[in-house]
Amino acid sequence: MKNIVENMPADLSNEQFLDLLNTPHVRIERIVSKGHSSPETGWYDQDEDEWVMVLEGEGSLAFEDGRIVTLGKGDFIHIPAHCRHRVSHTRPDGITVWLAVFFSPAG
């Protein structure tokens, strides 16, 4: 047994990504942020669907269509494959812990 909020990285000068599970059909990742955002010129454009939840802290996602969605502790969202998005904000005064589940789109 493991705990998702144990062993947080001490150095958060860069956002930290940790695969918790990686199979041919699903990947589950813990992401730890502290004041991080995606590069202004970069968009995530993934072949997989993504379901993401904030376990601790707060973060905002910007979508190519202009929407901004802010997620706090316990909030989650489904992002379909090829829905271009980026992290626009995470709290600089504390950590944000994300749980991201990547899987093949239906159909």
PDB file of N, CA and C in Angstrom:
ATOM      1  N   MET A   1       0.842  -1.175   0.000  1.00  0.00           N
ATOM      2  CA  MET A   1       0.000   0.000   0.000  1.00  0.00           C
ATOM      3  C   MET A   1       0.891   1.243   0.000  1.00  0.00           C
ATOM      4  N   LYS A   2       0.431   2.262  -0.714  1.00  0.00           N
ATOM      5  CA  LYS A   2       1.143   3.537  -0.779  1.00  0.00           C
ATOM      6  C   LYS A   2       0.168   4.661  -0.504  1.00  0.00           C
ATOM      7  N   ASN A   3       0.689   5.860  -0.293  1.00  0.00           N
ATOM      8  CA  ASN A   3      -0.132   7.032  -0.019  1.00  0.00           C
ATOM      9  C   ASN A   3       0.262   8.137  -0.987  1.00  0.00           C
ATOM     10  N   ILE A   4      -0.707   8.702  -1.681  1.00  0.00           N
ATOM     11  CA  ILE A   4      -0.441   9.677  -2.741  1.00  0.00           C
ATOM     12  C   ILE A   4       0.116  11.005  -2.228  1.00  0.00           C
ATOM     13  N   VAL A   5      -0.137  11.332  -0.966  1.00  0.00           N
ATOM     14  CA  VAL A   5       0.355  12.611  -0.444  1.00  0.00           C
ATOM     15  C   VAL A   5       1.599  12.458   0.430  1.00  0.00           C
ATOM     16  N   GLU A   6       2.145  11.264   0.493  1.00  0.00           N
ATOM     17  CA  GLU A   6       3.421  11.074   1.187  1.00  0.00           C
ATOM     18  C   GLU A   6       4.565  11.277   0.198  1.00  0.00           C
ATOM     19  N   ASN A   7       5.746  11.531   0.757  1.00  0.00           N
ATOM     20  CA  ASN A   7       6.959  11.675  -0.052  1.00  0.00           C
ATOM     21  C   ASN A   7       6.837  12.776  -1.102  1.00  0.00           C
ATOM     22  N   MET A   8       6.330  13.933  -0.679  1.00  0.00           N
ATOM     23  CA  MET A   8       6.270  15.076  -1.587  1.00  0.00           C
ATOM     24  C   MET A   8       7.690  15.535  -1.890  1.00  0.00           C
ATOM     25  N   PRO A   9       7.940  15.938  -3.127  1.00  0.00           N
ATOM     26  CA  PRO A   9       9.292  16.387  -3.478  1.00  0.00           C
ATOM     27  C   PRO A   9       9.680  17.644  -2.701  1.00  0.00           C
ATOM     28  N   ALA A  10      10.923  17.680  -2.244  1.00  0.00           N
ATOM     29  CA  ALA A  10      11.427  18.846  -1.514  1.00  0.00           C
ATOM     30  C   ALA A  10      11.729  19.993  -2.475  1.00  0.00           C
ATOM     31  N   ASP A  11      12.236  19.666  -3.649  1.00  0.00           N
ATOM     32  CA  ASP A  11      12.601  20.677  -4.641  1.00  0.00           C
ATOM     33  C   ASP A  11      11.454  20.832  -5.630  1.00  0.00           C
ATOM     34  N   LEU A  12      10.781  21.958  -5.569  1.00  0.00           N
ATOM     35  CA  LEU A  12       9.690  22.221  -6.499  1.00  0.00           C
ATOM     36  C   LEU A  12      10.024  23.387  -7.425  1.00  0.00           C
ATOM     37  N   SER A  13      11.318  23.516  -7.755  1.00  0.00           N
ATOM     38  CA  SER A  13      11.692  24.534  -8.727  1.00  0.00           C
ATOM     39  C   SER A  13      11.102  24.197 -10.097  1.00  0.00           C
ATOM     40  N   ASN A  14      10.837  22.899 -10.327  1.00  0.00           N
ATOM     41  CA  ASN A  14      10.125  22.430 -11.514  1.00  0.00           C
ATOM     42  C   ASN A  14       8.920  21.622 -11.049  1.00  0.00           C
ATOM     43  N   GLU A  15       7.879  21.642 -11.838  1.00  0.00           N
ATOM     44  CA  GLU A  15       6.722  20.812 -11.559  1.00  0.00           C
ATOM     45  C   GLU A  15       7.165  19.350 -11.552  1.00  0.00           C
ATOM     46  N   GLN A  16       6.597  18.545 -10.656  1.00  0.00           N
ATOM     47  CA  GLN A  16       7.012  17.146 -10.506  1.00  0.00           C
ATOM     48  C   GLN A  16       5.908  16.201 -10.971  1.00  0.00           C
ATOM     49  N   PHE A  17       6.284  15.230 -11.798  1.00  0.00           N
ATOM     50  CA  PHE A  17       5.353  14.248 -12.349  1.00  0.00           C
ATOM     51  C   PHE A  17       5.792  12.859 -11.890  1.00  0.00           C
ATOM     52  N   LEU A  18       4.840  12.052 -11.417  1.00  0.00           N
ATOM     53  CA  LEU A  18       5.135  10.703 -10.962  1.00  0.00           C
ATOM     54  C   LEU A  18       4.051   9.758 -11.452  1.00  0.00           C
ATOM     55  N   ASP A  19       4.431   8.771 -12.274  1.00  0.00           N
ATOM     56  CA  ASP A  19       3.479   7.746 -12.691  1.00  0.00           C
ATOM     57  C   ASP A  19       3.176   6.842 -11.512  1.00  0.00           C
ATOM     58  N   LEU A  20       1.898   6.732 -11.167  1.00  0.00           N
ATOM     59  CA  LEU A  20       1.460   5.827 -10.110  1.00  0.00           C
ATOM     60  C   LEU A  20       1.072   4.474 -10.689  1.00  0.00           C
ATOM     61  N   LEU A  21       0.597   4.500 -11.939  1.00  0.00           N
ATOM     62  CA  LEU A  21       0.224   3.284 -12.659  1.00  0.00           C
ATOM     63  C   LEU A  21       0.390   3.570 -14.138  1.00  0.00           C
ATOM     64  N   ASN A  22       0.989   2.633 -14.857  1.00  0.00           N
ATOM     65  CA  ASN A  22       1.172   2.808 -16.292  1.00  0.00           C
ATOM     66  C   ASN A  22       0.962   1.457 -16.958  1.00  0.00           C
ATOM     67  N   THR A  23      -0.197   1.310 -17.645  1.00  0.00           N
ATOM     68  CA  THR A  23      -0.525   0.084 -18.356  1.00  0.00           C
ATOM     69  C   THR A  23      -0.833   0.452 -19.805  1.00  0.00           C
ATOM     70  N   PRO A  24      -1.012  -0.538 -20.666  1.00  0.00           N
ATOM     71  CA  PRO A  24      -1.368  -0.208 -22.054  1.00  0.00           C
ATOM     72  C   PRO A  24      -2.708   0.532 -22.195  1.00  0.00           C
ATOM     73  N   HIS A  25      -3.579   0.462 -21.174  1.00  0.00           N
ATOM     74  CA  HIS A  25      -4.916   1.041 -21.297  1.00  0.00           C
ATOM     75  C   HIS A  25      -5.170   2.269 -20.430  1.00  0.00           C
ATOM     76  N   VAL A  26      -4.360   2.460 -19.403  1.00  0.00           N
ATOM     77  CA  VAL A  26      -4.576   3.594 -18.501  1.00  0.00           C
ATOM     78  C   VAL A  26      -3.252   4.012 -17.862  1.00  0.00           C
ATOM     79  N   ARG A  27      -3.115   5.314 -17.667  1.00  0.00           N
ATOM     80  CA  ARG A  27      -1.959   5.845 -16.938  1.00  0.00           C
ATOM     81  C   ARG A  27      -2.493   6.790 -15.876  1.00  0.00           C
ATOM     82  N   ILE A  28      -2.022   6.613 -14.646  1.00  0.00           N
ATOM     83  CA  ILE A  28      -2.427   7.472 -13.539  1.00  0.00           C
ATOM     84  C   ILE A  28      -1.172   8.181 -13.042  1.00  0.00           C
ATOM     85  N   GLU A  29      -1.273   9.497 -12.928  1.00  0.00           N
ATOM     86  CA  GLU A  29      -0.107  10.314 -12.635  1.00  0.00           C
ATOM     87  C   GLU A  29      -0.412  11.284 -11.488  1.00  0.00           C
ATOM     88  N   ARG A  30       0.564  11.447 -10.600  1.00  0.00           N
ATOM     89  CA  ARG A  30       0.491  12.505  -9.583  1.00  0.00           C
ATOM     90  C   ARG A  30       1.354  13.653 -10.088  1.00  0.00           C
ATOM     91  N   ILE A  31       0.798  14.850 -10.040  1.00  0.00           N
ATOM     92  CA  ILE A  31       1.525  16.052 -10.440  1.00  0.00           C
ATOM     93  C   ILE A  31       1.543  16.985  -9.230  1.00  0.00           C
ATOM     94  N   VAL A  32       2.721  17.511  -8.912  1.00  0.00           N
ATOM     95  CA  VAL A  32       2.855  18.453  -7.802  1.00  0.00           C
ATOM     96  C   VAL A  32       3.377  19.765  -8.371  1.00  0.00           C
ATOM     97  N   SER A  33       2.619  20.825  -8.122  1.00  0.00           N
ATOM     98  CA  SER A  33       2.936  22.158  -8.646  1.00  0.00           C
ATOM     99  C   SER A  33       3.034  23.147  -7.491  1.00  0.00           C
ATOM    100  N   LYS A  34       3.813  24.191  -7.704  1.00  0.00           N
ATOM    101  CA  LYS A  34       3.865  25.303  -6.749  1.00  0.00           C
ATOM    102  C   LYS A  34       4.188  26.566  -7.547  1.00  0.00           C
ATOM    103  N   GLY A  35       3.130  27.255  -7.962  1.00  0.00           N
ATOM    104  CA  GLY A  35       3.314  28.466  -8.750  1.00  0.00           C
ATOM    105  C   GLY A  35       3.665  28.203 -10.198  1.00  0.00           C
ATOM    106  N   HIS A  36       3.483  26.984 -10.669  1.00  0.00           N
ATOM    107  CA  HIS A  36       3.844  26.643 -12.049  1.00  0.00           C
ATOM    108  C   HIS A  36       2.679  26.873 -12.999  1.00  0.00           C
ATOM    109  N   SER A  37       3.018  27.054 -14.250  1.00  0.00           N
ATOM    110  CA  SER A  37       2.043  27.122 -15.334  1.00  0.00           C
ATOM    111  C   SER A  37       2.720  26.595 -16.593  1.00  0.00           C
ATOM    112  N   SER A  38       1.909  26.299 -17.593  1.00  0.00           N
ATOM    113  CA  SER A  38       2.444  25.848 -18.876  1.00  0.00           C
ATOM    114  C   SER A  38       3.079  27.028 -19.594  1.00  0.00           C
ATOM    115  N   PRO A  39       4.023  26.778 -20.487  1.00  0.00           N
ATOM    116  CA  PRO A  39       4.576  27.883 -21.282  1.00  0.00           C
ATOM    117  C   PRO A  39       3.470  28.589 -22.074  1.00  0.00           C
ATOM    118  N   GLU A  40       3.575  29.887 -22.220  1.00  0.00           N
ATOM    119  CA  GLU A  40       2.552  30.674 -22.932  1.00  0.00           C
ATOM    120  C   GLU A  40       2.305  30.156 -24.343  1.00  0.00           C
ATOM    121  N   THR A  41       3.322  29.633 -24.979  1.00  0.00           N
ATOM    122  CA  THR A  41       3.188  29.188 -26.364  1.00  0.00           C
ATOM    123  C   THR A  41       2.811  27.719 -26.477  1.00  0.00           C
ATOM    124  N   GLY A  42       2.725  27.026 -25.356  1.00  0.00           N
ATOM    125  CA  GLY A  42       2.487  25.587 -25.422  1.00  0.00           C
ATOM    126  C   GLY A  42       1.088  25.182 -25.011  1.00  0.00           C
ATOM    127  N   TRP A  43       0.502  24.266 -25.747  1.00  0.00           N
ATOM    128  CA  TRP A  43      -0.796  23.689 -25.429  1.00  0.00           C
ATOM    129  C   TRP A  43      -0.617  22.183 -25.305  1.00  0.00           C
ATOM    130  N   TYR A  44      -1.310  21.586 -24.341  1.00  0.00           N
ATOM    131  CA  TYR A  44      -1.415  20.131 -24.320  1.00  0.00           C
ATOM    132  C   TYR A  44      -2.430  19.748 -25.377  1.00  0.00           C
ATOM    133  N   ASP A  45      -2.062  18.837 -26.264  1.00  0.00           N
ATOM    134  CA  ASP A  45      -2.950  18.313 -27.308  1.00  0.00           C
ATOM    135  C   ASP A  45      -2.710  16.810 -27.323  1.00  0.00           C
ATOM    136  N   GLN A  46      -3.422  16.103 -26.477  1.00  0.00           N
ATOM    137  CA  GLN A  46      -3.140  14.698 -26.192  1.00  0.00           C
ATOM    138  C   GLN A  46      -4.013  13.758 -27.009  1.00  0.00           C
ATOM    139  N   ASP A  47      -3.475  12.599 -27.337  1.00  0.00           N
ATOM    140  CA  ASP A  47      -4.229  11.560 -28.029  1.00  0.00           C
ATOM    141  C   ASP A  47      -5.187  10.832 -27.094  1.00  0.00           C
ATOM    142  N   GLU A  48      -5.001  11.016 -25.769  1.00  0.00           N
ATOM    143  CA  GLU A  48      -5.816  10.332 -24.776  1.00  0.00           C
ATOM    144  C   GLU A  48      -6.810  11.306 -24.157  1.00  0.00           C
ATOM    145  N   ASP A  49      -7.896  10.761 -23.604  1.00  0.00           N
ATOM    146  CA  ASP A  49      -8.748  11.536 -22.717  1.00  0.00           C
ATOM    147  C   ASP A  49      -7.995  11.700 -21.403  1.00  0.00           C
ATOM    148  N   GLU A  50      -8.319  12.756 -20.666  1.00  0.00           N
ATOM    149  CA  GLU A  50      -7.719  12.977 -19.355  1.00  0.00           C
ATOM    150  C   GLU A  50      -8.818  13.347 -18.368  1.00  0.00           C
ATOM    151  N   TRP A  51      -8.809  12.661 -17.233  1.00  0.00           N
ATOM    152  CA  TRP A  51      -9.661  13.009 -16.103  1.00  0.00           C
ATOM    153  C   TRP A  51      -8.714  13.494 -15.031  1.00  0.00           C
ATOM    154  N   VAL A  52      -8.924  14.717 -14.553  1.00  0.00           N
ATOM    155  CA  VAL A  52      -7.980  15.290 -13.591  1.00  0.00           C
ATOM    156  C   VAL A  52      -8.739  15.848 -12.390  1.00  0.00           C
ATOM    157  N   MET A  53      -8.143  15.652 -11.205  1.00  0.00           N
ATOM    158  CA  MET A  53      -8.725  16.114  -9.948  1.00  0.00           C
ATOM    159  C   MET A  53      -7.648  16.811  -9.130  1.00  0.00           C
ATOM    160  N   VAL A  54      -8.038  17.870  -8.435  1.00  0.00           N
ATOM    161  CA  VAL A  54      -7.127  18.526  -7.505  1.00  0.00           C
ATOM    162  C   VAL A  54      -7.353  17.909  -6.124  1.00  0.00           C
ATOM    163  N   LEU A  55      -6.289  17.342  -5.577  1.00  0.00           N
ATOM    164  CA  LEU A  55      -6.361  16.735  -4.248  1.00  0.00           C
ATOM    165  C   LEU A  55      -6.021  17.729  -3.148  1.00  0.00           C
ATOM    166  N   GLU A  56      -5.195  18.703  -3.492  1.00  0.00           N
ATOM    167  CA  GLU A  56      -4.753  19.722  -2.531  1.00  0.00           C
ATOM    168  C   GLU A  56      -4.390  20.972  -3.311  1.00  0.00           C
ATOM    169  N   GLY A  57      -4.738  22.145  -2.778  1.00  0.00           N
ATOM    170  CA  GLY A  57      -4.360  23.396  -3.418  1.00  0.00           C
ATOM    171  C   GLY A  57      -5.390  23.880  -4.419  1.00  0.00           C
ATOM    172  N   GLU A  58      -4.889  24.561  -5.456  1.00  0.00           N
ATOM    173  CA  GLU A  58      -5.762  25.161  -6.463  1.00  0.00           C
ATOM    174  C   GLU A  58      -4.988  25.359  -7.756  1.00  0.00           C
ATOM    175  N   GLY A  59      -5.660  25.152  -8.873  1.00  0.00           N
ATOM    176  CA  GLY A  59      -5.050  25.388 -10.174  1.00  0.00           C
ATOM    177  C   GLY A  59      -6.097  25.787 -11.192  1.00  0.00           C
ATOM    178  N   SER A  60      -5.659  26.503 -12.206  1.00  0.00           N
ATOM    179  CA  SER A  60      -6.559  26.928 -13.278  1.00  0.00           C
ATOM    180  C   SER A  60      -6.082  26.357 -14.599  1.00  0.00           C
ATOM    181  N   LEU A  61      -7.042  25.921 -15.390  1.00  0.00           N
ATOM    182  CA  LEU A  61      -6.778  25.417 -16.737  1.00  0.00           C
ATOM    183  C   LEU A  61      -7.386  26.389 -17.737  1.00  0.00           C
ATOM    184  N   ALA A  62      -6.620  26.735 -18.759  1.00  0.00           N
ATOM    185  CA  ALA A  62      -7.103  27.567 -19.855  1.00  0.00           C
ATOM    186  C   ALA A  62      -7.281  26.669 -21.068  1.00  0.00           C
ATOM    187  N   PHE A  63      -8.368  26.870 -21.776  1.00  0.00           N
ATOM    188  CA  PHE A  63      -8.661  26.090 -22.969  1.00  0.00           C
ATOM    189  C   PHE A  63      -8.554  26.979 -24.191  1.00  0.00           C
ATOM    190  N   GLU A  64      -8.238  26.370 -25.313  1.00  0.00           N
ATOM    191  CA  GLU A  64      -8.015  27.119 -26.551  1.00  0.00           C
ATOM    192  C   GLU A  64      -9.237  27.956 -26.941  1.00  0.00           C
ATOM    193  N   ASP A  65     -10.435  27.506 -26.549  1.00  0.00           N
ATOM    194  CA  ASP A  65     -11.649  28.251 -26.891  1.00  0.00           C
ATOM    195  C   ASP A  65     -11.888  29.456 -25.984  1.00  0.00           C
ATOM    196  N   GLY A  66     -10.948  29.727 -25.052  1.00  0.00           N
ATOM    197  CA  GLY A  66     -11.048  30.896 -24.189  1.00  0.00           C
ATOM    198  C   GLY A  66     -11.563  30.616 -22.787  1.00  0.00           C
ATOM    199  N   ARG A  67     -12.095  29.415 -22.558  1.00  0.00           N
ATOM    200  CA  ARG A  67     -12.584  29.090 -21.211  1.00  0.00           C
ATOM    201  C   ARG A  67     -11.430  28.979 -20.230  1.00  0.00           C
ATOM    202  N   ILE A  68     -11.698  29.391 -18.993  1.00  0.00           N
ATOM    203  CA  ILE A  68     -10.757  29.184 -17.886  1.00  0.00           C
ATOM    204  C   ILE A  68     -11.545  28.472 -16.798  1.00  0.00           C
ATOM    205  N   VAL A  69     -11.008  27.365 -16.328  1.00  0.00           N
ATOM    206  CA  VAL A  69     -11.655  26.577 -15.278  1.00  0.00           C
ATOM    207  C   VAL A  69     -10.696  26.516 -14.099  1.00  0.00           C
ATOM    208  N   THR A  70     -11.172  26.968 -12.938  1.00  0.00           N
ATOM    209  CA  THR A  70     -10.363  26.911 -11.725  1.00  0.00           C
ATOM    210  C   THR A  70     -10.844  25.745 -10.872  1.00  0.00           C
ATOM    211  N   LEU A  71      -9.901  24.900 -10.484  1.00  0.00           N
ATOM    212  CA  LEU A  71     -10.199  23.718  -9.681  1.00  0.00           C
ATOM    213  C   LEU A  71      -9.596  23.882  -8.293  1.00  0.00           C
ATOM    214  N   GLY A  72     -10.388  23.615  -7.279  1.00  0.00           N
ATOM    215  CA  GLY A  72      -9.916  23.592  -5.902  1.00  0.00           C
ATOM    216  C   GLY A  72      -9.964  22.170  -5.378  1.00  0.00           C
ATOM    217  N   LYS A  73      -9.631  22.003  -4.140  1.00  0.00           N
ATOM    218  CA  LYS A  73      -9.578  20.687  -3.513  1.00  0.00           C
ATOM    219  C   LYS A  73     -10.887  19.931  -3.738  1.00  0.00           C
ATOM    220  N   GLY A  74     -10.771  18.756  -4.353  1.00  0.00           N
ATOM    221  CA  GLY A  74     -11.924  17.907  -4.613  1.00  0.00           C
ATOM    222  C   GLY A  74     -12.583  18.117  -5.957  1.00  0.00           C
ATOM    223  N   ASP A  75     -12.242  19.189  -6.667  1.00  0.00           N
ATOM    224  CA  ASP A  75     -12.839  19.453  -7.982  1.00  0.00           C
ATOM    225  C   ASP A  75     -12.159  18.594  -9.047  1.00  0.00           C
ATOM    226  N   PHE A  76     -12.952  18.165 -10.033  1.00  0.00           N
ATOM    227  CA  PHE A  76     -12.394  17.372 -11.124  1.00  0.00           C
ATOM    228  C   PHE A  76     -13.049  17.752 -12.439  1.00  0.00           C
ATOM    229  N   ILE A  77     -12.370  17.369 -13.532  1.00  0.00           N
ATOM    230  CA  ILE A  77     -12.848  17.681 -14.880  1.00  0.00           C
ATOM    231  C   ILE A  77     -12.382  16.584 -15.831  1.00  0.00           C
ATOM    232  N   HIS A  78     -13.191  16.333 -16.841  1.00  0.00           N
ATOM    233  CA  HIS A  78     -12.822  15.420 -17.931  1.00  0.00           C
ATOM    234  C   HIS A  78     -12.422  16.270 -19.130  1.00  0.00           C
ATOM    235  N   ILE A  79     -11.258  15.983 -19.684  1.00  0.00           N
ATOM    236  CA  ILE A  79     -10.757  16.711 -20.851  1.00  0.00           C
ATOM    237  C   ILE A  79     -10.647  15.711 -21.996  1.00  0.00           C
ATOM    238  N   PRO A  80     -11.510  15.818 -23.003  1.00  0.00           N
ATOM    239  CA  PRO A  80     -11.454  14.873 -24.113  1.00  0.00           C
ATOM    240  C   PRO A  80     -10.141  14.975 -24.895  1.00  0.00           C
ATOM    241  N   ALA A  81      -9.799  13.891 -25.556  1.00  0.00           N
ATOM    242  CA  ALA A  81      -8.605  13.870 -26.406  1.00  0.00           C
ATOM    243  C   ALA A  81      -8.650  15.035 -27.392  1.00  0.00           C
ATOM    244  N   HIS A  82      -7.508  15.642 -27.630  1.00  0.00           N
ATOM    245  CA  HIS A  82      -7.305  16.745 -28.572  1.00  0.00           C
ATOM    246  C   HIS A  82      -8.050  18.032 -28.212  1.00  0.00           C
ATOM    247  N   CYS A  83      -8.505  18.135 -26.964  1.00  0.00           N
ATOM    248  CA  CYS A  83      -9.042  19.391 -26.463  1.00  0.00           C
ATOM    249  C   CYS A  83      -7.843  20.178 -25.935  1.00  0.00           C
ATOM    250  N   ARG A  84      -7.406  21.150 -26.711  1.00  0.00           N
ATOM    251  CA  ARG A  84      -6.160  21.866 -26.374  1.00  0.00           C
ATOM    252  C   ARG A  84      -6.352  22.700 -25.111  1.00  0.00           C
ATOM    253  N   HIS A  85      -5.422  22.503 -24.165  1.00  0.00           N
ATOM    254  CA  HIS A  85      -5.504  23.171 -22.871  1.00  0.00           C
ATOM    255  C   HIS A  85      -4.110  23.382 -22.300  1.00  0.00           C
ATOM    256  N   ARG A  86      -4.031  24.192 -21.267  1.00  0.00           N
ATOM    257  CA  ARG A  86      -2.769  24.445 -20.580  1.00  0.00           C
ATOM    258  C   ARG A  86      -3.064  24.807 -19.130  1.00  0.00           C
ATOM    259  N   VAL A  87      -2.080  24.653 -18.271  1.00  0.00           N
ATOM    260  CA  VAL A  87      -2.205  25.100 -16.882  1.00  0.00           C
ATOM    261  C   VAL A  87      -1.859  26.586 -16.871  1.00  0.00           C
ATOM    262  N   SER A  88      -2.808  27.414 -16.475  1.00  0.00           N
ATOM    263  CA  SER A  88      -2.572  28.861 -16.491  1.00  0.00           C
ATOM    264  C   SER A  88      -2.135  29.393 -15.132  1.00  0.00           C
ATOM    265  N   HIS A  89      -2.380  28.621 -14.058  1.00  0.00           N
ATOM    266  CA  HIS A  89      -2.055  29.134 -12.725  1.00  0.00           C
ATOM    267  C   HIS A  89      -2.084  27.998 -11.708  1.00  0.00           C
ATOM    268  N   THR A  90      -1.133  27.987 -10.808  1.00  0.00           N
ATOM    269  CA  THR A  90      -1.215  27.201  -9.578  1.00  0.00           C
ATOM    270  C   THR A  90      -0.760  28.103  -8.441  1.00  0.00           C
ATOM    271  N   ARG A  91      -1.193  27.784  -7.250  1.00  0.00           N
ATOM    272  CA  ARG A  91      -0.899  28.637  -6.088  1.00  0.00           C
ATOM    273  C   ARG A  91       0.602  28.729  -5.839  1.00  0.00           C
ATOM    274  N   PRO A  92       1.133  29.939  -5.722  1.00  0.00           N
ATOM    275  CA  PRO A  92       2.561  30.096  -5.431  1.00  0.00           C
ATOM    276  C   PRO A  92       2.887  29.952  -3.943  1.00  0.00           C
ATOM    277  N   ASP A  93       1.855  30.042  -3.085  1.00  0.00           N
ATOM    278  CA  ASP A  93       2.080  30.024  -1.643  1.00  0.00           C
ATOM    279  C   ASP A  93       1.850  28.658  -1.000  1.00  0.00           C
ATOM    280  N   GLY A  94       1.667  27.641  -1.806  1.00  0.00           N
ATOM    281  CA  GLY A  94       1.466  26.283  -1.307  1.00  0.00           C
ATOM    282  C   GLY A  94       1.453  25.323  -2.471  1.00  0.00           C
ATOM    283  N   ILE A  95       1.465  24.043  -2.173  1.00  0.00           N
ATOM    284  CA  ILE A  95       1.504  23.072  -3.271  1.00  0.00           C
ATOM    285  C   ILE A  95       0.104  22.773  -3.795  1.00  0.00           C
ATOM    286  N   THR A  96       0.060  22.430  -5.047  1.00  0.00           N
ATOM    287  CA  THR A  96      -1.141  21.893  -5.680  1.00  0.00           C
ATOM    288  C   THR A  96      -0.817  20.465  -6.086  1.00  0.00           C
ATOM    289  N   VAL A  97      -1.639  19.538  -5.632  1.00  0.00           N
ATOM    290  CA  VAL A  97      -1.460  18.123  -5.964  1.00  0.00           C
ATOM    291  C   VAL A  97      -2.607  17.729  -6.878  1.00  0.00           C
ATOM    292  N   TRP A  98      -2.242  17.297  -8.081  1.00  0.00           N
ATOM    293  CA  TRP A  98      -3.199  16.867  -9.100  1.00  0.00           C
ATOM    294  C   TRP A  98      -3.152  15.343  -9.209  1.00  0.00           C
ATOM    295  N   LEU A  99      -4.284  14.733  -9.486  1.00  0.00           N
ATOM    296  CA  LEU A  99      -4.354  13.328  -9.856  1.00  0.00           C
ATOM    297  C   LEU A  99      -4.900  13.291 -11.275  1.00  0.00           C
ATOM    298  N   ALA A 100      -4.095  12.800 -12.206  1.00  0.00           N
ATOM    299  CA  ALA A 100      -4.491  12.772 -13.615  1.00  0.00           C
ATOM    300  C   ALA A 100      -4.586  11.328 -14.083  1.00  0.00           C
ATOM    301  N   VAL A 101      -5.699  11.006 -14.733  1.00  0.00           N
ATOM    302  CA  VAL A 101      -5.927   9.658 -15.271  1.00  0.00           C
ATOM    303  C   VAL A 101      -6.060   9.823 -16.783  1.00  0.00           C
ATOM    304  N   PHE A 102      -5.205   9.146 -17.524  1.00  0.00           N
ATOM    305  CA  PHE A 102      -5.186   9.195 -18.987  1.00  0.00           C
ATOM    306  C   PHE A 102      -5.668   7.855 -19.527  1.00  0.00           C
ATOM    307  N   PHE A 103      -6.567   7.903 -20.513  1.00  0.00           N
ATOM    308  CA  PHE A 103      -7.135   6.674 -21.068  1.00  0.00           C
ATOM    309  C   PHE A 103      -7.579   6.902 -22.503  1.00  0.00           C
ATOM    310  N   SER A 104      -7.729   5.815 -23.255  1.00  0.00           N
ATOM    311  CA  SER A 104      -8.122   5.916 -24.656  1.00  0.00           C
ATOM    312  C   SER A 104      -9.553   6.442 -24.761  1.00  0.00           C
ATOM    313  N   PRO A 105      -9.789   7.326 -25.722  1.00  0.00           N
ATOM    314  CA  PRO A 105     -11.149   7.836 -25.888  1.00  0.00           C
ATOM    315  C   PRO A 105     -12.113   6.738 -26.330  1.00  0.00           C
ATOM    316  N   ALA A 106     -13.363   6.860 -25.935  1.00  0.00           N
ATOM    317  CA  ALA A 106     -14.380   5.888 -26.333  1.00  0.00           C
ATOM    318  C   ALA A 106     -14.688   6.045 -27.809  1.00  0.00           C
ATOM    319  N   GLY A 107     -15.044   4.939 -28.422  1.00  0.00           N
ATOM    320  CA  GLY A 107     -15.517   4.982 -29.793  1.00  0.00           C
ATOM    321  C   GLY A 107     -14.462   4.770 -30.768  1.00  0.00           C
TER     322      GLY A 107
END
